[in-house]
Amino acid sequence: MTWNVDTLAARTSRAVEAAAAAGRDLGLTVTDPTVLYDVFSVVVHLKPAPVVVRVPVVLPGPLQDLALASKRQQTELDIAQWLVEQGKPVVAPSPLVPLAPAQRDGYSMTFWQYVEQDKAVEPDFLAGTVSAAELHAVLAEYPGELPWLSPVTSAVPDGLAELSAETELLSADDLDRVRREWEVLEPVLMTRAGFEAALPGARIQPIHGDAPYYNLIPAVGGASLWSDFEDATLGPVEWDMAMLDPTHIAAYNEAAARLRRPGIDERVAGVMNAARMLQLIVCLPLIPQLPALADGLKPSLEHWRTMPFAGGLV
């Protein structure tokens, strides 16, 4: 498919229609579905119902499988609901529908309580970093089963296979480096046993799986709510804090110390920085579907070229 303004708009329209139809199927009154966000997912407020639907529309190849997507989304719903039950500040699954993903028109989607966002609040990533330390302390007690480092294991191997010399923003030298780095990192990242053998003493626990310092919703009334647990997984906390600068790492470490928890392990952080870059690089083939991605990934690629090879493992 050739992606242009019209096909992108049509994709959004299909996602909105699917979200509204799925909501009605579940008994919700939906008269004015309104798009709140449209990047990797189309996020739709099913007005007048106090329900928001997240419909992923731009995904790496393996995650386009509905069964895999649904399993991943169920994990997200379960962990968010558990946080609600612990009385923690989190965007909650909607209580008006079953606690399960819904499928409609080729999409798998999740339903959430509508939160009125305070648009006057500027992002505060330093405060978010402190909040991430608090989230990790809570998630350490999560009793549910989680996959091992799923943002890497579920997407990177197949994603790397899709890279070629024609991939936008990627030079022949870049492609060679990516492949050589993966040869080093694959046995470390793909299994917990391999990770623990390469990095003995690393701390493994349930983690957010993305960037929890960024994925905070400032609600009207002052609360900041944890959100977007799509990539919730078992792994080192350093994955959640990958690519942060020294100021933010120091803030995390200070917050962790107050919580009587260890800070960031620099050995593990180096490997997670390299792993995070691989995760970003395999998104390059998605640029035709999401053209704005190019501007976002270009600075990261430039930084990657200056980083230690394979996180300093060799």
C-alpha atoms as a PDB file:
ATOM      1  CA  MET A   1       0.000   0.000   0.000  1.00  0.00           C
ATOM      2  CA  THR A   2       1.140   3.551  -0.769  1.00  0.00           C
ATOM      3  CA  TRP A   3       0.638   5.661   2.325  1.00  0.00           C
ATOM      4  CA  ASN A   4      -0.447   9.285   1.838  1.00  0.00           C
ATOM      5  CA  VAL A   5      -2.680  11.798   3.581  1.00  0.00           C
ATOM      6  CA  ASP A   6      -5.823  10.129   2.278  1.00  0.00           C
ATOM      7  CA  THR A   7      -4.857   6.571   3.239  1.00  0.00           C
ATOM      8  CA  LEU A   8      -3.703   7.709   6.683  1.00  0.00           C
ATOM      9  CA  ALA A   9      -7.011   9.533   7.233  1.00  0.00           C
ATOM     10  CA  ALA A  10      -8.918   6.471   6.047  1.00  0.00           C
ATOM     11  CA  ARG A  11      -7.000   4.296   8.519  1.00  0.00           C
ATOM     12  CA  THR A  12      -7.960   6.626  11.350  1.00  0.00           C
ATOM     13  CA  SER A  13     -11.586   6.630  10.219  1.00  0.00           C
ATOM     14  CA  ARG A  14     -11.695   2.820  10.135  1.00  0.00           C
ATOM     15  CA  ALA A  15     -10.229   2.626  13.637  1.00  0.00           C
ATOM     16  CA  VAL A  16     -12.785   5.124  14.978  1.00  0.00           C
ATOM     17  CA  GLU A  17     -15.654   3.234  13.369  1.00  0.00           C
ATOM     18  CA  ALA A  18     -14.392  -0.051  14.783  1.00  0.00           C
ATOM     19  CA  ALA A  19     -14.015   1.446  18.275  1.00  0.00           C
ATOM     20  CA  ALA A  20     -17.521   2.913  18.217  1.00  0.00           C
ATOM     21  CA  ALA A  21     -19.061  -0.322  16.906  1.00  0.00           C
ATOM     22  CA  ALA A  22     -17.229  -2.409  19.506  1.00  0.00           C
ATOM     23  CA  GLY A  23     -18.428  -0.058  22.236  1.00  0.00           C
ATOM     24  CA  ARG A  24     -22.024  -0.340  21.084  1.00  0.00           C
ATOM     25  CA  ASP A  25     -21.662  -4.136  20.926  1.00  0.00           C
ATOM     26  CA  LEU A  26     -20.725  -4.003  24.612  1.00  0.00           C
ATOM     27  CA  GLY A  27     -23.772  -1.923  25.528  1.00  0.00           C
ATOM     28  CA  LEU A  28     -22.281   1.582  25.542  1.00  0.00           C
ATOM     29  CA  THR A  29     -24.125   4.597  24.191  1.00  0.00           C
ATOM     30  CA  VAL A  30     -21.867   6.126  21.546  1.00  0.00           C
ATOM     31  CA  THR A  31     -23.062   9.138  19.558  1.00  0.00           C
ATOM     32  CA  ASP A  32     -19.949  11.285  19.118  1.00  0.00           C
ATOM     33  CA  PRO A  33     -16.695   9.269  18.978  1.00  0.00           C
ATOM     34  CA  THR A  34     -13.833  11.747  19.231  1.00  0.00           C
ATOM     35  CA  VAL A  35     -10.160  11.150  18.461  1.00  0.00           C
ATOM     36  CA  LEU A  36      -7.887  12.176  21.338  1.00  0.00           C
ATOM     37  CA  TYR A  37      -4.608  10.852  19.937  1.00  0.00           C
ATOM     38  CA  ASP A  38      -3.486   9.359  16.646  1.00  0.00           C
ATOM     39  CA  VAL A  39       0.070   8.034  16.315  1.00  0.00           C
ATOM     40  CA  PHE A  40       0.858   4.363  16.858  1.00  0.00           C
ATOM     41  CA  SER A  41      -2.660   3.941  18.219  1.00  0.00           C
ATOM     42  CA  VAL A  42      -5.893   5.772  17.579  1.00  0.00           C
ATOM     43  CA  VAL A  43      -7.331   6.728  20.971  1.00  0.00           C
ATOM     44  CA  VAL A  44     -11.052   7.450  20.856  1.00  0.00           C
ATOM     45  CA  HIS A  45     -13.376   8.953  23.483  1.00  0.00           C
ATOM     46  CA  LEU A  46     -16.715   7.224  23.005  1.00  0.00           C
ATOM     47  CA  LYS A  47     -18.813  10.241  23.899  1.00  0.00           C
ATOM     48  CA  PRO A  48     -21.068  10.487  25.803  1.00  0.00           C
ATOM     49  CA  ALA A  49     -19.830   7.328  27.540  1.00  0.00           C
ATOM     50  CA  PRO A  50     -16.969   7.992  29.980  1.00  0.00           C
ATOM     51  CA  VAL A  51     -14.880   5.468  28.070  1.00  0.00           C
ATOM     52  CA  VAL A  52     -11.735   5.727  25.970  1.00  0.00           C
ATOM     53  CA  VAL A  53     -10.720   3.032  23.489  1.00  0.00           C
ATOM     54  CA  ARG A  54      -7.138   2.491  22.373  1.00  0.00           C
ATOM     55  CA  VAL A  55      -6.881   0.911  18.927  1.00  0.00           C
ATOM     56  CA  PRO A  56      -3.307   0.044  17.852  1.00  0.00           C
ATOM     57  CA  VAL A  57      -2.896   0.735  14.129  1.00  0.00           C
ATOM     58  CA  VAL A  58       0.878   0.894  13.540  1.00  0.00           C
ATOM     59  CA  LEU A  59       2.661  -2.188  14.835  1.00  0.00           C
ATOM     60  CA  PRO A  60       5.727  -4.261  13.938  1.00  0.00           C
ATOM     61  CA  GLY A  61       4.847  -7.354  11.929  1.00  0.00           C
ATOM     62  CA  PRO A  62       4.590  -9.960  14.732  1.00  0.00           C
ATOM     63  CA  LEU A  63       2.285  -7.756  16.809  1.00  0.00           C
ATOM     64  CA  GLN A  64      -0.201  -7.464  13.956  1.00  0.00           C
ATOM     65  CA  ASP A  65      -1.385 -10.973  14.785  1.00  0.00           C
ATOM     66  CA  LEU A  66      -4.697 -10.555  16.612  1.00  0.00           C
ATOM     67  CA  ALA A  67      -4.121 -13.460  18.982  1.00  0.00           C
ATOM     68  CA  LEU A  68      -0.731 -12.119  20.031  1.00  0.00           C
ATOM     69  CA  ALA A  69      -2.087  -8.571  20.275  1.00  0.00           C
ATOM     70  CA  SER A  70      -4.990  -9.729  22.440  1.00  0.00           C
ATOM     71  CA  LYS A  71      -2.700 -11.644  24.798  1.00  0.00           C
ATOM     72  CA  ARG A  72      -0.478  -8.585  25.171  1.00  0.00           C
ATOM     73  CA  GLN A  73      -3.482  -6.345  25.812  1.00  0.00           C
ATOM     74  CA  GLN A  74      -4.889  -8.719  28.422  1.00  0.00           C
ATOM     75  CA  THR A  75      -1.612  -8.461  30.313  1.00  0.00           C
ATOM     76  CA  GLU A  76      -1.904  -4.677  30.190  1.00  0.00           C
ATOM     77  CA  LEU A  77      -5.476  -4.714  31.486  1.00  0.00           C
ATOM     78  CA  ASP A  78      -4.620  -7.157  34.262  1.00  0.00           C
ATOM     79  CA  ILE A  79      -1.671  -5.165  35.551  1.00  0.00           C
ATOM     80  CA  ALA A  80      -3.568  -1.856  35.381  1.00  0.00           C
ATOM     81  CA  GLN A  81      -6.509  -3.384  37.253  1.00  0.00           C
ATOM     82  CA  TRP A  82      -4.142  -4.768  39.887  1.00  0.00           C
ATOM     83  CA  LEU A  83      -2.699  -1.274  40.388  1.00  0.00           C
ATOM     84  CA  VAL A  84      -6.241   0.086  40.770  1.00  0.00           C
ATOM     85  CA  GLU A  85      -6.895  -2.518  43.452  1.00  0.00           C
ATOM     86  CA  GLN A  86      -3.749  -1.436  45.284  1.00  0.00           C
ATOM     87  CA  GLY A  87      -5.117   2.116  45.355  1.00  0.00           C
ATOM     88  CA  LYS A  88      -2.395   3.467  43.081  1.00  0.00           C
ATOM     89  CA  PRO A  89      -2.661   6.431  40.678  1.00  0.00           C
ATOM     90  CA  VAL A  90      -3.253   4.738  37.334  1.00  0.00           C
ATOM     91  CA  VAL A  91      -5.547   5.130  34.349  1.00  0.00           C
ATOM     92  CA  ALA A  92      -8.069   2.397  35.088  1.00  0.00           C
ATOM     93  CA  PRO A  93      -9.697  -0.103  32.758  1.00  0.00           C
ATOM     94  CA  SER A  94     -13.315   0.809  32.189  1.00  0.00           C
ATOM     95  CA  PRO A  95     -15.656  -0.906  34.672  1.00  0.00           C
ATOM     96  CA  LEU A  96     -18.485  -0.588  32.127  1.00  0.00           C
ATOM     97  CA  VAL A  97     -17.196  -3.414  29.932  1.00  0.00           C
ATOM     98  CA  PRO A  98     -15.536  -6.792  30.606  1.00  0.00           C
ATOM     99  CA  LEU A  99     -11.866  -6.741  31.598  1.00  0.00           C
ATOM    100  CA  ALA A 100     -10.735  -8.093  28.246  1.00  0.00           C
ATOM    101  CA  PRO A 101      -9.693  -6.837  24.803  1.00  0.00           C
ATOM    102  CA  ALA A 102     -12.366  -6.626  22.138  1.00  0.00           C
ATOM    103  CA  GLN A 103     -11.931  -7.480  18.464  1.00  0.00           C
ATOM    104  CA  ARG A 104     -13.765  -5.711  15.690  1.00  0.00           C
ATOM    105  CA  ASP A 105     -13.083  -5.278  11.969  1.00  0.00           C
ATOM    106  CA  GLY A 106      -9.549  -6.647  12.171  1.00  0.00           C
ATOM    107  CA  TYR A 107      -8.530  -4.599  15.221  1.00  0.00           C
ATOM    108  CA  SER A 108      -7.915  -5.638  18.816  1.00  0.00           C
ATOM    109  CA  MET A 109      -8.635  -2.847  21.300  1.00  0.00           C
ATOM    110  CA  THR A 110      -8.863  -2.014  24.991  1.00  0.00           C
ATOM    111  CA  PHE A 111     -11.351   0.099  26.956  1.00  0.00           C
ATOM    112  CA  TRP A 112     -10.361   2.603  29.670  1.00  0.00           C
ATOM    113  CA  GLN A 113     -11.989   5.088  32.005  1.00  0.00           C
ATOM    114  CA  TYR A 114     -12.039   8.559  30.502  1.00  0.00           C
ATOM    115  CA  VAL A 115      -9.660  10.927  32.293  1.00  0.00           C
ATOM    116  CA  GLU A 116      -9.934  14.650  31.664  1.00  0.00           C
ATOM    117  CA  GLN A 117      -6.367  15.708  30.961  1.00  0.00           C
ATOM    118  CA  ASP A 118      -5.072  19.021  32.287  1.00  0.00           C
ATOM    119  CA  LYS A 119      -3.628  20.440  29.085  1.00  0.00           C
ATOM    120  CA  ALA A 120      -2.103  23.396  30.948  1.00  0.00           C
ATOM    121  CA  VAL A 121       0.387  21.102  32.694  1.00  0.00           C
ATOM    122  CA  GLU A 122       3.764  20.920  30.980  1.00  0.00           C
ATOM    123  CA  PRO A 123       5.553  17.547  30.984  1.00  0.00           C
ATOM    124  CA  ASP A 124       7.966  17.236  33.917  1.00  0.00           C
ATOM    125  CA  PHE A 125      10.245  14.328  33.101  1.00  0.00           C
ATOM    126  CA  LEU A 126      12.302  14.844  36.240  1.00  0.00           C
ATOM    127  CA  ALA A 127       9.217  14.386  38.422  1.00  0.00           C
ATOM    128  CA  GLY A 128       8.223  11.533  36.146  1.00  0.00           C
ATOM    129  CA  THR A 129      11.551   9.841  36.810  1.00  0.00           C
ATOM    130  CA  VAL A 130      10.874   9.986  40.549  1.00  0.00           C
ATOM    131  CA  SER A 131       7.410   8.565  39.884  1.00  0.00           C
ATOM    132  CA  ALA A 132       9.021   5.722  37.900  1.00  0.00           C
ATOM    133  CA  ALA A 133      11.033   4.690  40.947  1.00  0.00           C
ATOM    134  CA  GLU A 134       7.799   4.642  42.950  1.00  0.00           C
ATOM    135  CA  LEU A 135       6.084   2.577  40.249  1.00  0.00           C
ATOM    136  CA  HIS A 136       8.915   0.045  40.235  1.00  0.00           C
ATOM    137  CA  ALA A 137       8.611  -0.353  43.993  1.00  0.00           C
ATOM    138  CA  VAL A 138       4.914  -1.171  43.565  1.00  0.00           C
ATOM    139  CA  LEU A 139       5.347  -3.432  40.537  1.00  0.00           C
ATOM    140  CA  ALA A 140       7.952  -5.502  42.359  1.00  0.00           C
ATOM    141  CA  GLU A 141       5.005  -7.039  44.246  1.00  0.00           C
ATOM    142  CA  TYR A 142       2.888  -7.808  41.169  1.00  0.00           C
ATOM    143  CA  PRO A 143       1.848 -11.478  41.428  1.00  0.00           C
ATOM    144  CA  GLY A 144       0.808 -12.081  37.822  1.00  0.00           C
ATOM    145  CA  GLU A 145       2.745 -13.934  35.175  1.00  0.00           C
ATOM    146  CA  LEU A 146       4.636 -11.768  32.685  1.00  0.00           C
ATOM    147  CA  PRO A 147       6.699 -12.585  29.591  1.00  0.00           C
ATOM    148  CA  TRP A 148      10.454 -12.044  29.531  1.00  0.00           C
ATOM    149  CA  LEU A 149      11.564  -8.670  28.056  1.00  0.00           C
ATOM    150  CA  SER A 150       8.751  -8.766  25.513  1.00  0.00           C
ATOM    151  CA  PRO A 151       9.446  -5.373  23.825  1.00  0.00           C
ATOM    152  CA  VAL A 152      12.642  -7.006  22.546  1.00  0.00           C
ATOM    153  CA  THR A 153      11.748 -10.671  22.218  1.00  0.00           C
ATOM    154  CA  SER A 154       8.408 -10.110  20.467  1.00  0.00           C
ATOM    155  CA  ALA A 155       9.551  -7.545  17.910  1.00  0.00           C
ATOM    156  CA  VAL A 156      13.300  -7.238  17.393  1.00  0.00           C
ATOM    157  CA  PRO A 157      14.213 -10.579  15.734  1.00  0.00           C
ATOM    158  CA  ASP A 158      11.517 -10.365  13.056  1.00  0.00           C
ATOM    159  CA  GLY A 159      11.958  -6.607  12.780  1.00  0.00           C
ATOM    160  CA  LEU A 160      15.659  -6.935  12.034  1.00  0.00           C
ATOM    161  CA  ALA A 161      14.849  -9.363   9.240  1.00  0.00           C
ATOM    162  CA  GLU A 162      12.784  -6.617   7.560  1.00  0.00           C
ATOM    163  CA  LEU A 163      15.699  -4.152   7.453  1.00  0.00           C
ATOM    164  CA  SER A 164      17.529  -3.725   4.179  1.00  0.00           C
ATOM    165  CA  ALA A 165      19.849  -1.349   2.363  1.00  0.00           C
ATOM    166  CA  GLU A 166      16.714   0.484   1.154  1.00  0.00           C
ATOM    167  CA  THR A 167      15.411   1.167   4.674  1.00  0.00           C
ATOM    168  CA  GLU A 168      14.920   4.891   5.176  1.00  0.00           C
ATOM    169  CA  LEU A 169      17.537   6.620   7.392  1.00  0.00           C
ATOM    170  CA  LEU A 170      19.714   3.495   7.547  1.00  0.00           C
ATOM    171  CA  SER A 171      23.073   3.409   5.751  1.00  0.00           C
ATOM    172  CA  ALA A 172      24.942   0.275   4.678  1.00  0.00           C
ATOM    173  CA  ASP A 173      27.359   0.803   7.569  1.00  0.00           C
ATOM    174  CA  ASP A 174      24.420   1.170   9.972  1.00  0.00           C
ATOM    175  CA  LEU A 175      22.886  -2.065   8.731  1.00  0.00           C
ATOM    176  CA  ASP A 176      26.184  -3.880   9.194  1.00  0.00           C
ATOM    177  CA  ARG A 177      26.503  -2.569  12.751  1.00  0.00           C
ATOM    178  CA  VAL A 178      22.929  -3.511  13.627  1.00  0.00           C
ATOM    179  CA  ARG A 179      23.476  -7.076  12.509  1.00  0.00           C
ATOM    180  CA  ARG A 180      26.803  -7.385  14.332  1.00  0.00           C
ATOM    181  CA  GLU A 181      25.326  -5.920  17.532  1.00  0.00           C
ATOM    182  CA  TRP A 182      22.450  -8.383  17.427  1.00  0.00           C
ATOM    183  CA  GLU A 183      24.891 -11.278  17.124  1.00  0.00           C
ATOM    184  CA  VAL A 184      26.326 -10.166  20.470  1.00  0.00           C
ATOM    185  CA  LEU A 185      23.075  -9.185  22.142  1.00  0.00           C
ATOM    186  CA  GLU A 186      20.725 -11.936  20.986  1.00  0.00           C
ATOM    187  CA  PRO A 187      21.968 -14.603  23.450  1.00  0.00           C
ATOM    188  CA  VAL A 188      21.835 -12.015  26.247  1.00  0.00           C
ATOM    189  CA  LEU A 189      18.404 -10.546  25.560  1.00  0.00           C
ATOM    190  CA  MET A 190      16.252 -13.374  24.253  1.00  0.00           C
ATOM    191  CA  THR A 191      16.100 -15.442  27.456  1.00  0.00           C
ATOM    192  CA  ARG A 192      16.240 -14.705  31.150  1.00  0.00           C
ATOM    193  CA  ALA A 193      18.884 -17.396  31.596  1.00  0.00           C
ATOM    194  CA  GLY A 194      21.116 -15.794  28.974  1.00  0.00           C
ATOM    195  CA  PHE A 195      20.652 -12.376  30.535  1.00  0.00           C
ATOM    196  CA  GLU A 196      21.498 -13.566  34.033  1.00  0.00           C
ATOM    197  CA  ALA A 197      24.553 -15.436  32.760  1.00  0.00           C
ATOM    198  CA  ALA A 198      25.892 -12.324  31.015  1.00  0.00           C
ATOM    199  CA  LEU A 199      24.946  -9.883  33.790  1.00  0.00           C
ATOM    200  CA  PRO A 200      25.086 -11.754  37.104  1.00  0.00           C
ATOM    201  CA  GLY A 201      23.490  -9.873  39.965  1.00  0.00           C
ATOM    202  CA  ALA A 202      21.156  -7.859  37.736  1.00  0.00           C
ATOM    203  CA  ARG A 203      17.756  -7.213  39.320  1.00  0.00           C
ATOM    204  CA  ILE A 204      14.767  -8.621  37.463  1.00  0.00           C
ATOM    205  CA  GLN A 205      11.159  -7.777  38.298  1.00  0.00           C
ATOM    206  CA  PRO A 206       7.856  -6.755  36.703  1.00  0.00           C
ATOM    207  CA  ILE A 207       8.375  -3.443  34.889  1.00  0.00           C
ATOM    208  CA  HIS A 208       6.324  -0.953  32.881  1.00  0.00           C
ATOM    209  CA  GLY A 209       8.087  -1.950  29.667  1.00  0.00           C
ATOM    210  CA  ASP A 210       8.247   1.460  28.018  1.00  0.00           C
ATOM    211  CA  ALA A 211       9.114   4.867  29.487  1.00  0.00           C
ATOM    212  CA  PRO A 212       7.042   5.316  32.654  1.00  0.00           C
ATOM    213  CA  TYR A 213       8.448   8.799  33.288  1.00  0.00           C
ATOM    214  CA  TYR A 214       6.851   9.854  29.982  1.00  0.00           C
ATOM    215  CA  ASN A 215       3.628   7.869  30.160  1.00  0.00           C
ATOM    216  CA  LEU A 216       1.956   9.951  32.847  1.00  0.00           C
ATOM    217  CA  ILE A 217      -1.442  11.584  32.373  1.00  0.00           C
ATOM    218  CA  PRO A 218      -1.860  14.892  34.265  1.00  0.00           C
ATOM    219  CA  ALA A 219      -5.507  14.736  35.272  1.00  0.00           C
ATOM    220  CA  VAL A 220      -7.629  17.771  36.046  1.00  0.00           C
ATOM    221  CA  GLY A 221      -7.460  18.121  39.800  1.00  0.00           C
ATOM    222  CA  GLY A 222      -3.731  17.586  40.108  1.00  0.00           C
ATOM    223  CA  ALA A 223      -3.171  13.841  40.034  1.00  0.00           C
ATOM    224  CA  SER A 224      -0.625  12.325  37.643  1.00  0.00           C
ATOM    225  CA  LEU A 225      -1.713   8.868  36.556  1.00  0.00           C
ATOM    226  CA  TRP A 226       0.485   6.026  35.326  1.00  0.00           C
ATOM    227  CA  SER A 227      -0.642   4.786  31.932  1.00  0.00           C
ATOM    228  CA  ASP A 228       0.168   2.745  28.829  1.00  0.00           C
ATOM    229  CA  PHE A 229       1.226  -0.648  30.153  1.00  0.00           C
ATOM    230  CA  GLU A 230       1.122  -2.172  26.659  1.00  0.00           C
ATOM    231  CA  ASP A 231       4.686  -3.446  27.033  1.00  0.00           C
ATOM    232  CA  ALA A 232       4.479  -4.591  30.673  1.00  0.00           C
ATOM    233  CA  THR A 233       7.037  -7.334  31.070  1.00  0.00           C
ATOM    234  CA  LEU A 234       9.577  -9.050  33.254  1.00  0.00           C
ATOM    235  CA  GLY A 235      13.000  -7.452  33.015  1.00  0.00           C
ATOM    236  CA  PRO A 236      15.500  -5.094  34.621  1.00  0.00           C
ATOM    237  CA  VAL A 237      14.296  -1.654  35.725  1.00  0.00           C
ATOM    238  CA  GLU A 238      17.105  -0.270  33.567  1.00  0.00           C
ATOM    239  CA  TRP A 239      15.005  -1.107  30.487  1.00  0.00           C
ATOM    240  CA  ASP A 240      12.362   1.376  31.622  1.00  0.00           C
ATOM    241  CA  MET A 241      15.030   4.030  32.203  1.00  0.00           C
ATOM    242  CA  ALA A 242      17.070   3.432  29.040  1.00  0.00           C
ATOM    243  CA  MET A 243      18.635   6.412  27.260  1.00  0.00           C
ATOM    244  CA  LEU A 244      18.125   8.835  30.149  1.00  0.00           C
ATOM    245  CA  ASP A 245      20.751  11.474  30.853  1.00  0.00           C
ATOM    246  CA  PRO A 246      22.813  11.606  34.080  1.00  0.00           C
ATOM    247  CA  THR A 247      20.522  14.187  35.709  1.00  0.00           C
ATOM    248  CA  HIS A 248      17.493  11.924  35.391  1.00  0.00           C
ATOM    249  CA  ILE A 249      19.427   8.833  36.429  1.00  0.00           C
ATOM    250  CA  ALA A 250      20.553  10.692  39.561  1.00  0.00           C
ATOM    251  CA  ALA A 251      16.953  11.667  40.318  1.00  0.00           C
ATOM    252  CA  TYR A 252      15.868   8.040  39.925  1.00  0.00           C
ATOM    253  CA  ASN A 253      18.671   6.825  42.180  1.00  0.00           C
ATOM    254  CA  GLU A 254      17.794   9.356  44.888  1.00  0.00           C
ATOM    255  CA  ALA A 255      14.134   8.322  44.778  1.00  0.00           C
ATOM    256  CA  ALA A 256      15.089   4.645  44.839  1.00  0.00           C
ATOM    257  CA  ALA A 257      17.306   5.215  47.876  1.00  0.00           C
ATOM    258  CA  ARG A 258      14.411   6.877  49.724  1.00  0.00           C
ATOM    259  CA  LEU A 259      12.369   3.777  48.950  1.00  0.00           C
ATOM    260  CA  ARG A 260      15.234   1.574  50.188  1.00  0.00           C
ATOM    261  CA  ARG A 261      15.721   0.122  46.749  1.00  0.00           C
ATOM    262  CA  PRO A 262      18.870  -0.177  44.643  1.00  0.00           C
ATOM    263  CA  GLY A 263      19.581   2.429  42.004  1.00  0.00           C
ATOM    264  CA  ILE A 264      20.480   1.978  38.352  1.00  0.00           C
ATOM    265  CA  ASP A 265      23.194  -0.585  37.581  1.00  0.00           C
ATOM    266  CA  GLU A 266      25.461   1.061  35.002  1.00  0.00           C
ATOM    267  CA  ARG A 267      26.485  -2.290  33.469  1.00  0.00           C
ATOM    268  CA  VAL A 268      22.874  -3.243  32.850  1.00  0.00           C
ATOM    269  CA  ALA A 269      21.971   0.291  31.728  1.00  0.00           C
ATOM    270  CA  GLY A 270      24.569   0.152  28.962  1.00  0.00           C
ATOM    271  CA  VAL A 271      23.119  -3.078  27.592  1.00  0.00           C
ATOM    272  CA  MET A 272      19.562  -1.785  27.883  1.00  0.00           C
ATOM    273  CA  ASN A 273      20.524   1.396  26.024  1.00  0.00           C
ATOM    274  CA  ALA A 274      21.788  -0.753  23.154  1.00  0.00           C
ATOM    275  CA  ALA A 275      18.670  -2.941  23.291  1.00  0.00           C
ATOM    276  CA  ARG A 276      16.388   0.097  23.246  1.00  0.00           C
ATOM    277  CA  MET A 277      18.144   1.371  20.131  1.00  0.00           C
ATOM    278  CA  LEU A 278      17.564  -1.949  18.407  1.00  0.00           C
ATOM    279  CA  GLN A 279      13.890  -1.665  19.308  1.00  0.00           C
ATOM    280  CA  LEU A 280      13.787   1.797  17.721  1.00  0.00           C
ATOM    281  CA  ILE A 281      15.732   0.764  14.628  1.00  0.00           C
ATOM    282  CA  VAL A 282      13.312  -2.045  13.795  1.00  0.00           C
ATOM    283  CA  CYS A 283      10.586   0.626  13.671  1.00  0.00           C
ATOM    284  CA  LEU A 284      12.232   2.226  10.614  1.00  0.00           C
ATOM    285  CA  PRO A 285      10.209   0.125   8.138  1.00  0.00           C
ATOM    286  CA  LEU A 286       7.075   1.629   9.713  1.00  0.00           C
ATOM    287  CA  ILE A 287       7.938   5.158   8.506  1.00  0.00           C
ATOM    288  CA  PRO A 288       5.731   4.934   5.381  1.00  0.00           C
ATOM    289  CA  GLN A 289       2.778   4.178   7.661  1.00  0.00           C
ATOM    290  CA  LEU A 290       3.746   6.917  10.119  1.00  0.00           C
ATOM    291  CA  PRO A 291       5.783   9.592   8.301  1.00  0.00           C
ATOM    292  CA  ALA A 292       6.313  11.736  11.419  1.00  0.00           C
ATOM    293  CA  LEU A 293       8.326   8.853  12.851  1.00  0.00           C
ATOM    294  CA  ALA A 294      11.291   9.817  10.673  1.00  0.00           C
ATOM    295  CA  ASP A 295      11.843  13.121  12.462  1.00  0.00           C
ATOM    296  CA  GLY A 296      11.555  11.421  15.832  1.00  0.00           C
ATOM    297  CA  LEU A 297      14.000   8.615  15.035  1.00  0.00           C
ATOM    298  CA  LYS A 298      16.683  10.633  13.230  1.00  0.00           C
ATOM    299  CA  PRO A 299      18.276  12.149  16.392  1.00  0.00           C
ATOM    300  CA  SER A 300      18.203   8.745  18.099  1.00  0.00           C
ATOM    301  CA  LEU A 301      20.035   7.155  15.169  1.00  0.00           C
ATOM    302  CA  GLU A 302      22.649   9.890  15.224  1.00  0.00           C
ATOM    303  CA  HIS A 303      23.202   9.266  18.926  1.00  0.00           C
ATOM    304  CA  TRP A 304      23.329   5.493  18.422  1.00  0.00           C
ATOM    305  CA  ARG A 305      26.250   5.883  16.027  1.00  0.00           C
ATOM    306  CA  THR A 306      28.268   7.379  18.902  1.00  0.00           C
ATOM    307  CA  MET A 307      27.272   4.784  21.509  1.00  0.00           C
ATOM    308  CA  PRO A 308      29.482   1.902  22.726  1.00  0.00           C
ATOM    309  CA  PHE A 309      29.081  -1.139  20.492  1.00  0.00           C
ATOM    310  CA  ALA A 310      26.564  -3.625  21.942  1.00  0.00           C
ATOM    311  CA  GLY A 311      26.320  -1.665  25.180  1.00  0.00           C
ATOM    312  CA  GLY A 312      29.986  -2.291  25.986  1.00  0.00           C
ATOM    313  CA  LEU A 313      29.595  -6.088  26.215  1.00  0.00           C
ATOM    314  CA  VAL A 314      32.543  -6.517  23.833  1.00  0.00           C
END
